[in-house]
Amino acid sequence: MKTPLLALLAALAVVGCQTAQTPSKLAVGANPESVTRGFDGDLFVSLMGPTRKAGDGDGKVVRVHGETVTDFATGLNDPKGIVFAGGFLVTADFDTVWKIDAKGNKTVLAGPKDFPVAPTFLNDVEVEPSGKSVLVTDMGAVTKMRDANNKLWPINSAEHKAIPVIARLFRVTLDGKVTEVIAPNARMLNPNGVDVLKDGRIRLAEFFTGDVLEYNKGKWKAIAKGHRSGDGIVHDSQGRFYISEVMFGRVTRYDAGSKNPKLLSEGLELQAAADIYVDEAHGQLIIPDSKAGQLIFIGL
């Protein structure tokens, strides 16, 4: 029989475990896409805004302190991937990469004319291991991926084969120098999420085909398949990687060395799982649900 003190400690331990695993939600605004830890350890979320049109100016970055959400940087159009690098927030917005300082002041880090080839649809951003540059995906011919009902064309259909191969992966240094890292390639037809490991291997969520691709020194391999509308891809310190599917509201984890996926989104009723963020310091995975206007927090 447990003593009262031991019983109390056991109960607290159980409650603590349940709390860590219980999903929680926080409303943050219209169309959240990506999230990162930034200034003072707060969360910063890119909101694409209600209209999502070039030049609308209704996109922004909000700051989350506890459960308080405030505007941080406004006047953006469609900010998507967001990271914290070199003491700045960096976010991609249609054809422009922005740098945002601690006061919320935004400046153009790289505009259309700074790219070796004019970008078509910039999306995800990831900090490189050096901390001195970021990788940015250009999704390419995004207007050619779907039918009139906004569904992705079937794999190997005539419409699939007609999608122009123009997507690229760029490197942008924190002083605004842009270079091409991966040139157009049929395997990388419409890349969305990007992740990079310490050894330089680059992983991409191929939005149209659903492949999770790994690129290393000019060579390609698929490390997972079946994740059409792949949006965010991230890894943790245990070698696991996670991928979200924005059109289907799914989030999946692959353990290190395993090809057996674990569905993490079951029961969460996600409408749209966007660019996920592994927050290991707080033991959680953060999922922006774009259609619901929320961040979803689940235990790792």
Protein backbone atom coordinates (compact mmCIF):
# COMPACT_ATOMS: atom_id res chain seq x y z
CA MET A 1 0.00 0.00 0.00
CA LYS A 2 1.35 3.43 -0.98
CA THR A 3 1.84 6.07 1.65
CA PRO A 4 -0.25 9.24 1.14
CA LEU A 5 2.85 11.12 -0.10
CA LEU A 6 3.79 8.42 -2.59
CA ALA A 7 0.20 8.20 -3.76
CA LEU A 8 0.10 11.95 -4.31
CA LEU A 9 3.36 11.90 -6.27
CA ALA A 10 2.10 9.04 -8.40
CA ALA A 11 -1.12 10.90 -9.12
CA LEU A 12 0.77 14.04 -10.08
CA ALA A 13 3.00 11.99 -12.37
CA VAL A 14 -0.03 10.53 -14.12
CA VAL A 15 -1.63 13.96 -14.53
CA GLY A 16 1.63 15.34 -15.87
CA CYS A 17 1.89 12.58 -18.45
CA GLN A 18 -1.70 13.09 -19.52
CA THR A 19 -1.20 16.83 -19.86
CA ALA A 20 1.89 16.38 -22.01
CA GLN A 21 0.00 14.08 -24.37
CA THR A 22 -3.29 15.99 -24.49
CA PRO A 23 -3.68 18.09 -27.64
CA SER A 24 -4.36 21.76 -27.01
CA LYS A 25 -5.45 24.47 -29.41
CA LEU A 26 -4.84 28.18 -29.76
CA ALA A 27 -6.57 30.51 -32.22
CA VAL A 28 -3.98 32.72 -33.95
CA GLY A 29 -5.69 34.28 -36.99
CA ALA A 30 -6.46 33.74 -40.66
CA ASN A 31 -4.60 30.94 -42.44
CA PRO A 32 -1.59 30.13 -40.23
CA GLU A 33 1.10 28.41 -42.27
CA SER A 34 4.33 28.10 -40.27
CA VAL A 35 5.63 28.59 -36.73
CA THR A 36 9.00 28.95 -35.00
CA ARG A 37 10.53 29.93 -31.69
CA GLY A 38 12.11 33.37 -31.91
CA PHE A 39 12.75 36.48 -29.84
CA ASP A 40 12.67 35.86 -26.06
CA GLY A 41 11.66 32.26 -26.70
CA ASP A 42 8.18 33.24 -27.90
CA LEU A 43 6.42 31.57 -30.81
CA PHE A 44 6.04 33.45 -34.09
CA VAL A 45 3.45 32.39 -36.64
CA SER A 46 3.12 33.36 -40.29
CA LEU A 47 -0.48 34.14 -41.27
CA MET A 48 -1.21 34.08 -44.99
CA GLY A 49 -4.32 36.19 -44.42
CA PRO A 50 -7.94 35.88 -45.57
CA THR A 51 -7.54 36.61 -49.30
CA ARG A 52 -4.13 35.14 -50.17
CA LYS A 53 -3.64 37.31 -53.25
CA ALA A 54 -0.47 39.00 -54.45
CA GLY A 55 -0.37 42.59 -53.24
CA ASP A 56 -3.26 42.24 -50.78
CA GLY A 57 -1.09 43.20 -47.79
CA ASP A 58 -3.28 41.26 -45.36
CA GLY A 59 -0.64 38.70 -44.41
CA LYS A 60 1.35 39.09 -41.22
CA VAL A 61 3.44 37.50 -38.50
CA VAL A 62 1.97 37.26 -35.02
CA ARG A 63 3.70 36.73 -31.71
CA VAL A 64 2.46 34.14 -29.21
CA HIS A 65 3.41 34.72 -25.58
CA GLY A 66 1.69 32.11 -23.44
CA GLU A 67 -1.85 32.27 -24.81
CA THR A 68 -1.65 35.93 -25.83
CA VAL A 69 -1.48 36.58 -29.58
CA THR A 70 -0.41 39.99 -30.89
CA ASP A 71 0.50 41.39 -34.29
CA PHE A 72 4.26 41.54 -34.77
CA ALA A 73 4.94 42.34 -38.45
CA THR A 74 2.14 43.41 -40.79
CA GLY A 75 1.75 44.41 -44.43
CA LEU A 76 2.91 41.08 -45.87
CA ASN A 77 1.05 39.30 -48.65
CA ASP A 78 1.24 35.53 -48.23
CA PRO A 79 4.03 34.66 -45.74
CA LYS A 80 4.60 30.94 -45.51
CA GLY A 81 7.73 29.20 -44.15
CA ILE A 82 9.23 31.05 -41.18
CA VAL A 83 12.47 30.45 -39.25
CA PHE A 84 14.67 32.24 -36.73
CA ALA A 85 18.23 32.75 -37.97
CA GLY A 86 21.04 35.15 -37.10
CA GLY A 87 18.85 37.12 -34.70
CA PHE A 88 16.09 37.66 -37.28
CA LEU A 89 12.88 36.04 -38.38
CA VAL A 90 13.00 35.03 -42.05
CA THR A 91 9.87 34.26 -44.06
CA ALA A 92 9.08 33.55 -47.73
CA ASP A 93 6.25 35.47 -49.41
CA PHE A 94 5.32 34.69 -53.05
CA ASP A 95 8.49 36.01 -54.78
CA THR A 96 10.19 37.75 -51.84
CA VAL A 97 12.12 36.66 -48.75
CA TRP A 98 11.70 38.98 -45.76
CA LYS A 99 13.92 39.59 -42.74
CA ILE A 100 12.20 40.84 -39.57
CA ASP A 101 14.00 42.34 -36.58
CA ALA A 102 13.19 42.24 -32.86
CA LYS A 103 10.88 45.27 -33.16
CA GLY A 104 8.86 43.77 -35.99
CA ASN A 105 10.45 45.91 -38.69
CA LYS A 106 10.58 44.06 -42.00
CA THR A 107 13.11 44.52 -44.79
CA VAL A 108 13.54 42.67 -48.07
CA LEU A 109 16.26 40.07 -47.70
CA ALA A 110 15.89 38.91 -51.31
CA GLY A 111 13.48 40.24 -53.92
CA PRO A 112 12.61 38.89 -57.38
CA LYS A 113 15.59 40.57 -59.06
CA ASP A 114 18.03 39.02 -56.57
CA PHE A 115 17.30 35.47 -57.74
CA PRO A 116 19.28 33.93 -60.60
CA VAL A 117 15.91 32.92 -62.09
CA ALA A 118 12.70 34.76 -61.26
CA PRO A 119 10.87 32.76 -58.58
CA THR A 120 7.35 31.52 -59.25
CA PHE A 121 5.99 30.54 -55.81
CA LEU A 122 8.34 30.62 -52.83
CA ASN A 123 7.17 28.49 -49.95
CA ASP A 124 9.12 26.80 -47.16
CA VAL A 125 12.26 28.06 -45.40
CA GLU A 126 14.83 26.10 -43.39
CA VAL A 127 17.99 27.24 -41.60
CA GLU A 128 21.16 25.55 -42.85
CA PRO A 129 23.54 23.92 -40.33
CA SER A 130 25.96 26.86 -40.55
CA GLY A 131 23.24 29.23 -39.33
CA LYS A 132 24.39 31.75 -41.94
CA SER A 133 21.91 30.93 -44.69
CA VAL A 134 18.48 29.47 -45.33
CA LEU A 135 17.07 27.12 -47.94
CA VAL A 136 13.91 28.25 -49.73
CA THR A 137 11.68 26.11 -51.94
CA ASP A 138 10.16 27.45 -55.13
CA MET A 139 7.18 25.20 -55.85
CA GLY A 140 7.14 25.94 -59.56
CA ALA A 141 3.96 25.49 -61.61
CA VAL A 142 1.46 25.41 -58.74
CA THR A 143 -1.44 26.46 -60.98
CA LYS A 144 -1.06 23.25 -63.02
CA MET A 145 -1.36 20.73 -60.16
CA ARG A 146 -5.14 20.61 -59.68
CA ASP A 147 -8.41 20.15 -61.50
CA ALA A 148 -11.44 22.47 -61.46
CA ASN A 149 -12.49 21.02 -58.10
CA ASN A 150 -9.11 21.85 -56.55
CA LYS A 151 -8.09 18.18 -56.40
CA LEU A 152 -4.62 17.05 -57.40
CA TRP A 153 -4.52 15.40 -60.81
CA PRO A 154 -4.03 11.61 -60.72
CA ILE A 155 -0.44 10.35 -60.71
CA ASN A 156 0.80 9.53 -64.24
CA SER A 157 -2.21 11.21 -65.83
CA ALA A 158 -1.79 13.33 -68.95
CA GLU A 159 -2.25 16.41 -66.75
CA HIS A 160 0.52 15.22 -64.43
CA LYS A 161 2.89 14.75 -67.33
CA ALA A 162 2.04 18.22 -68.63
CA ILE A 163 3.13 20.02 -65.44
CA PRO A 164 6.20 22.12 -66.35
CA VAL A 165 9.41 21.12 -64.56
CA ILE A 166 10.46 24.55 -63.28
CA ALA A 167 10.64 24.19 -59.47
CA ARG A 168 13.92 24.96 -57.70
CA LEU A 169 15.60 25.07 -54.33
CA PHE A 170 17.47 28.26 -53.47
CA ARG A 171 19.98 29.25 -50.82
CA VAL A 172 19.68 32.76 -49.39
CA THR A 173 22.44 34.05 -47.12
CA LEU A 174 21.56 36.38 -44.27
CA ASP A 175 23.09 39.24 -46.25
CA GLY A 176 20.78 38.53 -49.20
CA LYS A 177 22.95 36.62 -51.65
CA VAL A 178 20.91 34.03 -53.59
CA THR A 179 22.19 30.90 -55.34
CA GLU A 180 20.52 27.85 -56.83
CA VAL A 181 21.04 24.64 -54.84
CA ILE A 182 18.87 22.23 -56.83
CA ALA A 183 17.96 22.89 -60.45
CA PRO A 184 14.63 21.80 -61.98
CA ASN A 185 14.21 18.04 -61.87
CA ALA A 186 11.18 15.87 -62.66
CA ARG A 187 11.45 14.14 -59.27
CA MET A 188 11.08 17.52 -57.56
CA LEU A 189 8.03 18.62 -59.51
CA ASN A 190 6.31 20.79 -56.87
CA PRO A 191 8.41 20.78 -53.68
CA ASN A 192 6.86 22.33 -50.60
CA GLY A 193 8.51 21.54 -47.25
CA VAL A 194 12.28 21.45 -46.88
CA ASP A 195 14.45 20.07 -44.09
CA VAL A 196 18.22 19.75 -43.80
CA LEU A 197 20.31 17.46 -41.58
CA LYS A 198 23.61 18.32 -39.91
CA ASP A 199 25.55 16.41 -42.56
CA GLY A 200 23.97 18.49 -45.33
CA ARG A 201 21.41 15.99 -46.61
CA ILE A 202 18.34 17.83 -47.84
CA ARG A 203 14.84 16.43 -47.53
CA LEU A 204 11.86 17.68 -49.51
CA ALA A 205 8.13 17.08 -49.27
CA GLU A 206 7.08 16.64 -52.89
CA PHE A 207 3.58 18.12 -52.84
CA PHE A 208 2.19 16.63 -56.05
CA THR A 209 3.56 13.08 -56.07
CA GLY A 210 3.58 12.58 -52.29
CA ASP A 211 7.18 11.39 -52.17
CA VAL A 212 9.51 12.38 -49.34
CA LEU A 213 12.78 12.92 -51.15
CA GLU A 214 16.33 13.03 -49.89
CA TYR A 215 18.96 14.85 -51.95
CA ASN A 216 22.64 14.31 -51.21
CA LYS A 217 25.53 15.42 -53.42
CA GLY A 218 23.49 15.28 -56.60
CA LYS A 219 21.81 11.94 -55.86
CA TRP A 220 18.14 11.35 -55.11
CA LYS A 221 16.24 8.74 -53.16
CA ALA A 222 12.68 8.46 -51.86
CA ILE A 223 12.63 7.78 -48.12
CA ALA A 224 8.82 7.64 -47.94
CA LYS A 225 5.85 7.68 -50.28
CA GLY A 226 2.11 8.28 -50.19
CA HIS A 227 2.03 11.79 -48.67
CA ARG A 228 0.33 13.83 -51.38
CA SER A 229 -0.02 17.53 -50.51
CA GLY A 230 3.06 17.15 -48.28
CA ASP A 231 3.55 20.51 -46.60
CA GLY A 232 5.93 20.47 -43.65
CA ILE A 233 8.85 18.12 -43.05
CA VAL A 234 10.97 18.23 -39.88
CA HIS A 235 13.25 15.92 -37.89
CA ASP A 236 14.11 15.60 -34.22
CA SER A 237 17.24 14.71 -32.25
CA GLN A 238 16.26 11.03 -32.15
CA GLY A 239 16.46 10.70 -35.90
CA ARG A 240 12.71 10.62 -36.41
CA PHE A 241 11.08 12.68 -39.12
CA TYR A 242 7.58 14.06 -39.42
CA ILE A 243 5.53 15.04 -42.46
CA SER A 244 2.20 16.87 -42.74
CA GLU A 245 -0.37 16.71 -45.53
CA VAL A 246 -2.21 20.01 -45.78
CA MET A 247 -5.10 18.87 -48.00
CA PHE A 248 -5.88 15.81 -45.89
CA GLY A 249 -5.17 17.04 -42.36
CA ARG A 250 -2.68 14.27 -41.62
CA VAL A 251 0.60 14.26 -39.70
CA THR A 252 2.85 11.20 -39.79
CA ARG A 253 6.03 10.22 -37.95
CA TYR A 254 8.74 7.83 -39.12
CA ASP A 255 11.09 6.46 -36.47
CA ALA A 256 14.80 6.29 -37.25
CA GLY A 257 15.57 3.40 -39.56
CA SER A 258 11.91 2.43 -39.88
CA LYS A 259 9.67 2.50 -42.92
CA ASN A 260 6.56 1.96 -40.81
CA PRO A 261 4.76 5.28 -40.33
CA LYS A 262 2.82 6.27 -37.24
CA LEU A 263 -0.20 8.50 -37.80
CA LEU A 264 -0.16 11.23 -35.15
CA SER A 265 -3.19 13.19 -36.31
CA GLU A 266 -5.81 10.51 -35.65
CA GLY A 267 -8.61 11.99 -33.57
CA LEU A 268 -7.36 15.57 -33.90
CA GLU A 269 -9.89 16.48 -36.60
CA LEU A 270 -7.39 18.68 -38.41
CA GLN A 271 -8.79 20.57 -41.38
CA ALA A 272 -5.42 21.44 -42.91
CA ALA A 273 -2.04 20.40 -41.44
CA ALA A 274 0.48 22.99 -42.60
CA ASP A 275 4.19 23.56 -41.81
CA ILE A 276 4.82 21.61 -38.59
CA TYR A 277 7.44 22.51 -35.97
CA VAL A 278 9.28 20.20 -33.57
CA ASP A 279 9.60 22.01 -30.23
CA GLU A 280 11.74 19.50 -28.34
CA ALA A 281 12.57 21.89 -25.50
CA HIS A 282 8.87 21.85 -24.60
CA GLY A 283 8.23 18.24 -25.60
CA GLN A 284 5.71 19.05 -28.28
CA LEU A 285 4.92 19.09 -31.97
CA ILE A 286 3.16 22.25 -33.14
CA ILE A 287 0.78 21.94 -36.09
CA PRO A 288 -0.67 25.03 -37.79
CA ASP A 289 -4.21 24.18 -38.95
CA SER A 290 -4.64 26.73 -41.72
CA LYS A 291 -8.36 26.32 -42.32
CA ALA A 292 -9.20 26.37 -38.62
CA GLY A 293 -6.95 29.36 -37.88
CA GLN A 294 -5.33 27.51 -35.00
CA LEU A 295 -2.13 26.06 -33.67
CA ILE A 296 -2.48 22.49 -32.40
CA PHE A 297 -0.02 21.26 -29.74
CA ILE A 298 0.58 17.54 -29.21
CA GLY A 299 3.17 15.69 -27.12
CA LEU A 300 6.18 14.20 -28.89
